[in-house]
């Protein structure tokens, strides 16, 4: 199993490369590049939220709490709250995620459970898409893709570390198959994960423009 530092060393350059892709857009700026790179890097660490280790979990939930506050700022301002009220609610949201959600999450999850899975990777991308405050769905998909790419790099690296190469002989250890999976031994965890996945999928489908929901229009766009 790869270490926290190992995942960070892979996710950081991967995030830099993914962020640089934003420069292919004529209207992209340095903010888009940095945010995409950051989301990809954070995504590369996200599966370790279910870890039993202390320091990585504290750091990850600290970053997650900060991202939550950042993404909530614009929606709260648009509802008419004053800047003081908005900042107050963001502070509360930070502490709720940092300390409240982290404790609940630690209680409900086990290391290498369904949070280390392909459905969890897709869910992470959907959450970014649905919470990012923008009407540009291309940009939202781009940021969601960065989170998923980082998440996938974590799963792949864990699977690579589950293989022992000894000369021409290749064997797997006890962690093989526990990262890139679609189900877990717990049917309840699997059921809840897919319930969340399809629920977010429904919300995401209703969020995209009507023309993009048509199969014909998707095929026409792909031919361009």
Protein backbone atom coordinates (compact mmCIF):
# COMPACT_ATOMS: atom_id res chain seq x y z
CA UNK A 1 0.00 0.00 0.00
CA UNK A 2 1.42 3.34 -1.06
CA UNK A 3 2.19 5.92 1.62
CA UNK A 4 0.58 9.33 2.06
CA UNK A 5 3.76 10.95 0.77
CA UNK A 6 3.87 8.59 -2.21
CA UNK A 7 0.34 9.55 -3.24
CA UNK A 8 1.17 13.24 -2.87
CA UNK A 9 4.31 12.89 -5.00
CA UNK A 10 2.20 11.40 -7.80
CA UNK A 11 -0.86 13.62 -7.44
CA UNK A 12 1.03 16.94 -7.37
CA UNK A 13 2.75 16.67 -10.80
CA UNK A 14 -0.36 15.04 -12.23
CA UNK A 15 -2.35 18.03 -11.01
CA UNK A 16 0.14 20.45 -12.55
CA UNK A 17 -0.17 18.71 -15.91
CA UNK A 18 -3.97 18.60 -15.74
CA UNK A 19 -4.15 22.24 -14.70
CA UNK A 20 -2.00 23.21 -17.68
CA UNK A 21 -4.70 21.80 -19.97
CA UNK A 22 -6.85 24.78 -19.03
CA UNK A 23 -4.52 26.98 -21.04
CA UNK A 24 -5.97 25.46 -24.22
CA UNK A 25 -9.13 27.46 -23.54
CA UNK A 26 -8.97 31.02 -24.91
CA UNK A 27 -10.72 32.44 -21.84
CA UNK A 28 -8.68 30.52 -19.25
CA UNK A 29 -6.58 32.35 -16.68
CA UNK A 30 -4.09 31.40 -13.99
CA UNK A 31 -6.88 30.95 -11.43
CA UNK A 32 -8.41 28.13 -13.46
CA UNK A 33 -5.02 26.45 -13.77
CA UNK A 34 -4.30 26.62 -10.04
CA UNK A 35 -7.77 25.42 -9.02
CA UNK A 36 -7.69 22.48 -11.43
CA UNK A 37 -4.21 21.49 -10.26
CA UNK A 38 -5.25 21.78 -6.62
CA UNK A 39 -8.41 19.70 -7.04
CA UNK A 40 -6.45 16.98 -8.85
CA UNK A 41 -3.83 16.95 -6.10
CA UNK A 42 -6.47 16.79 -3.37
CA UNK A 43 -8.25 14.04 -5.29
CA UNK A 44 -5.06 12.00 -5.17
CA UNK A 45 -5.27 12.03 -1.37
CA UNK A 46 -9.04 11.75 -0.91
CA UNK A 47 -9.32 7.94 -0.56
CA UNK A 48 -7.18 8.12 2.58
CA UNK A 49 -10.01 9.91 4.38
CA UNK A 50 -10.96 6.45 5.67
CA UNK A 51 -7.44 5.84 6.97
CA UNK A 52 -6.82 4.98 10.61
CA UNK A 53 -3.73 7.22 10.64
CA UNK A 54 -3.95 10.51 12.52
CA UNK A 55 -1.94 13.17 10.66
CA UNK A 56 -3.06 12.41 7.06
CA UNK A 57 -6.71 12.36 8.10
CA UNK A 58 -6.40 15.68 9.94
CA UNK A 59 -4.72 17.29 6.95
CA UNK A 60 -7.24 15.89 4.48
CA UNK A 61 -10.28 16.98 6.46
CA UNK A 62 -8.66 20.38 6.95
CA UNK A 63 -8.35 20.75 3.16
CA UNK A 64 -11.86 19.41 2.62
CA UNK A 65 -13.28 21.88 5.16
CA UNK A 66 -11.46 24.75 3.44
CA UNK A 67 -12.78 23.69 0.02
CA UNK A 68 -16.30 23.51 1.45
CA UNK A 69 -16.02 27.07 2.73
CA UNK A 70 -14.66 28.31 -0.61
CA UNK A 71 -17.43 26.67 -2.64
CA UNK A 72 -20.16 27.94 -0.30
CA UNK A 73 -19.05 31.59 -0.39
CA UNK A 74 -20.64 32.63 -3.69
CA UNK A 75 -23.97 30.76 -3.22
CA UNK A 76 -24.39 32.31 0.23
CA UNK A 77 -23.63 35.80 -1.07
CA UNK A 78 -26.18 35.36 -3.86
CA UNK A 79 -28.92 34.58 -1.32
CA UNK A 80 -28.63 38.11 0.10
CA UNK A 81 -26.66 37.54 3.30
CA UNK A 82 -24.33 40.32 4.43
CA UNK A 83 -20.59 39.74 4.24
CA UNK A 84 -20.46 39.35 8.03
CA UNK A 85 -23.26 36.75 8.02
CA UNK A 86 -21.62 34.91 5.14
CA UNK A 87 -18.23 34.77 6.83
CA UNK A 88 -19.86 33.61 10.06
CA UNK A 89 -21.62 30.74 8.30
CA UNK A 90 -18.43 29.78 6.47
CA UNK A 91 -16.57 29.56 9.78
CA UNK A 92 -19.31 27.33 11.18
CA UNK A 93 -19.24 25.18 8.01
CA UNK A 94 -15.47 24.80 8.31
CA UNK A 95 -15.63 23.52 11.89
CA UNK A 96 -18.60 21.26 11.15
CA UNK A 97 -16.70 19.53 8.34
CA UNK A 98 -13.33 19.59 10.07
CA UNK A 99 -14.48 18.11 13.36
CA UNK A 100 -18.09 16.93 13.06
CA UNK A 101 -18.11 15.25 9.65
CA UNK A 102 -14.64 13.79 10.22
CA UNK A 103 -15.78 12.00 13.38
CA UNK A 104 -18.94 10.66 11.76
CA UNK A 105 -16.97 9.58 8.69
CA UNK A 106 -14.37 7.81 10.82
CA UNK A 107 -17.14 5.99 12.70
CA UNK A 108 -18.99 4.83 9.57
CA UNK A 109 -16.05 3.80 7.37
CA UNK A 110 -13.29 1.22 7.43
CA UNK A 111 -9.94 1.52 5.69
CA UNK A 112 -9.97 0.11 2.17
CA UNK A 113 -13.77 -0.09 2.25
CA UNK A 114 -16.10 1.37 -0.39
CA UNK A 115 -14.37 4.74 -0.16
CA UNK A 116 -11.49 3.01 -1.95
CA UNK A 117 -13.56 2.16 -5.02
CA UNK A 118 -14.46 3.27 -8.53
CA UNK A 119 -18.01 4.37 -7.52
CA UNK A 120 -16.50 6.58 -4.80
CA UNK A 121 -14.23 8.12 -7.42
CA UNK A 122 -17.24 9.00 -9.59
CA UNK A 123 -19.11 10.39 -6.57
CA UNK A 124 -16.19 12.71 -5.77
CA UNK A 125 -16.35 14.15 -9.29
CA UNK A 126 -20.12 14.56 -9.13
CA UNK A 127 -19.87 16.48 -5.87
CA UNK A 128 -17.40 18.92 -7.41
CA UNK A 129 -19.67 19.39 -10.44
CA UNK A 130 -22.78 20.00 -8.34
CA UNK A 131 -21.18 22.31 -5.78
CA UNK A 132 -18.94 24.44 -7.99
CA UNK A 133 -20.64 27.87 -8.27
CA UNK A 134 -20.70 28.39 -12.02
CA UNK A 135 -23.14 28.18 -14.92
CA UNK A 136 -20.37 27.03 -17.28
CA UNK A 137 -20.95 23.29 -17.27
CA UNK A 138 -17.84 22.68 -19.38
CA UNK A 139 -15.75 24.26 -16.62
CA UNK A 140 -17.61 22.27 -13.96
CA UNK A 141 -16.94 19.04 -15.84
CA UNK A 142 -13.28 20.00 -16.18
CA UNK A 143 -12.87 20.50 -12.43
CA UNK A 144 -14.84 17.33 -11.70
CA UNK A 145 -12.54 15.46 -14.07
CA UNK A 146 -9.51 16.73 -12.16
CA UNK A 147 -10.86 15.42 -8.87
CA UNK A 148 -11.64 12.04 -10.45
CA UNK A 149 -8.24 11.82 -12.13
CA UNK A 150 -6.46 12.42 -8.84
CA UNK A 151 -8.73 9.92 -7.08
CA UNK A 152 -8.01 7.33 -9.80
CA UNK A 153 -4.25 7.85 -9.44
CA UNK A 154 -4.57 6.95 -5.76
CA UNK A 155 -6.48 3.74 -6.51
CA UNK A 156 -4.07 2.69 -9.26
CA UNK A 157 -1.01 3.37 -7.10
CA UNK A 158 -2.49 1.32 -4.27
CA UNK A 159 -3.04 -1.59 -6.66
CA UNK A 160 0.52 -1.30 -7.99
CA UNK A 161 1.88 -1.42 -4.46
CA UNK A 162 -0.19 -4.57 -3.89
CA UNK A 163 1.96 -6.41 -6.46
CA UNK A 164 5.32 -7.86 -5.45
CA UNK A 165 7.81 -8.16 -8.28
CA UNK A 166 10.44 -10.80 -7.48
CA UNK A 167 12.52 -11.52 -10.54
CA UNK A 168 10.25 -13.11 -13.14
CA UNK A 169 7.75 -14.08 -10.49
CA UNK A 170 4.85 -11.75 -9.79
CA UNK A 171 2.61 -12.20 -6.79
CA UNK A 172 0.05 -10.11 -4.97
CA UNK A 173 -0.22 -9.31 -1.28
CA UNK A 174 -3.28 -9.09 0.95
CA UNK A 175 -4.21 -5.62 -0.35
CA UNK A 176 -4.58 -6.70 -4.00
CA UNK A 177 -7.99 -5.87 -5.42
CA UNK A 178 -9.02 -3.67 -2.51
CA UNK A 179 -8.68 -0.33 -4.33
CA UNK A 180 -9.93 -0.63 -7.92
CA UNK A 181 -13.20 -2.31 -7.02
CA UNK A 182 -16.92 -1.80 -7.58
CA UNK A 183 -18.28 -3.63 -4.53
CA UNK A 184 -17.19 -4.50 -1.01
CA UNK A 185 -17.83 -7.48 1.29
CA UNK A 186 -20.37 -5.30 3.10
CA UNK A 187 -23.59 -5.29 1.07
CA UNK A 188 -24.90 -2.37 3.11
CA UNK A 189 -21.86 -0.20 2.30
CA UNK A 190 -22.16 -1.16 -1.36
CA UNK A 191 -25.89 -0.38 -1.42
CA UNK A 192 -25.45 3.02 0.23
CA UNK A 193 -22.61 3.92 -2.15
CA UNK A 194 -24.65 3.13 -5.25
CA UNK A 195 -27.69 4.91 -3.80
CA UNK A 196 -25.57 8.06 -3.43
CA UNK A 197 -24.06 7.52 -6.90
CA UNK A 198 -27.40 7.29 -8.69
CA UNK A 199 -28.90 10.10 -6.61
CA UNK A 200 -26.08 12.48 -7.53
CA UNK A 201 -26.24 11.25 -11.11
CA UNK A 202 -29.90 12.26 -11.28
CA UNK A 203 -29.14 15.72 -9.88
CA UNK A 204 -26.22 16.14 -12.25
CA UNK A 205 -28.29 15.11 -15.28
CA UNK A 206 -30.95 17.68 -14.40
CA UNK A 207 -28.28 20.36 -13.98
CA UNK A 208 -26.86 20.22 -17.51
CA UNK A 209 -28.57 22.22 -20.30
CA UNK A 210 -31.51 20.54 -22.01
CA UNK A 211 -29.73 20.35 -25.34
CA UNK A 212 -26.88 18.41 -23.72
CA UNK A 213 -29.32 15.79 -22.39
CA UNK A 214 -30.14 14.69 -25.93
CA UNK A 215 -28.17 11.72 -27.28
CA UNK A 216 -28.38 13.21 -30.75
CA UNK A 217 -26.78 16.46 -29.64
CA UNK A 218 -24.03 14.61 -27.76
CA UNK A 219 -23.19 12.64 -30.92
CA UNK A 220 -23.21 15.82 -33.00
CA UNK A 221 -20.82 17.47 -30.54
CA UNK A 222 -18.46 14.47 -30.69
CA UNK A 223 -18.26 14.70 -34.48
CA UNK A 224 -16.91 18.26 -34.33
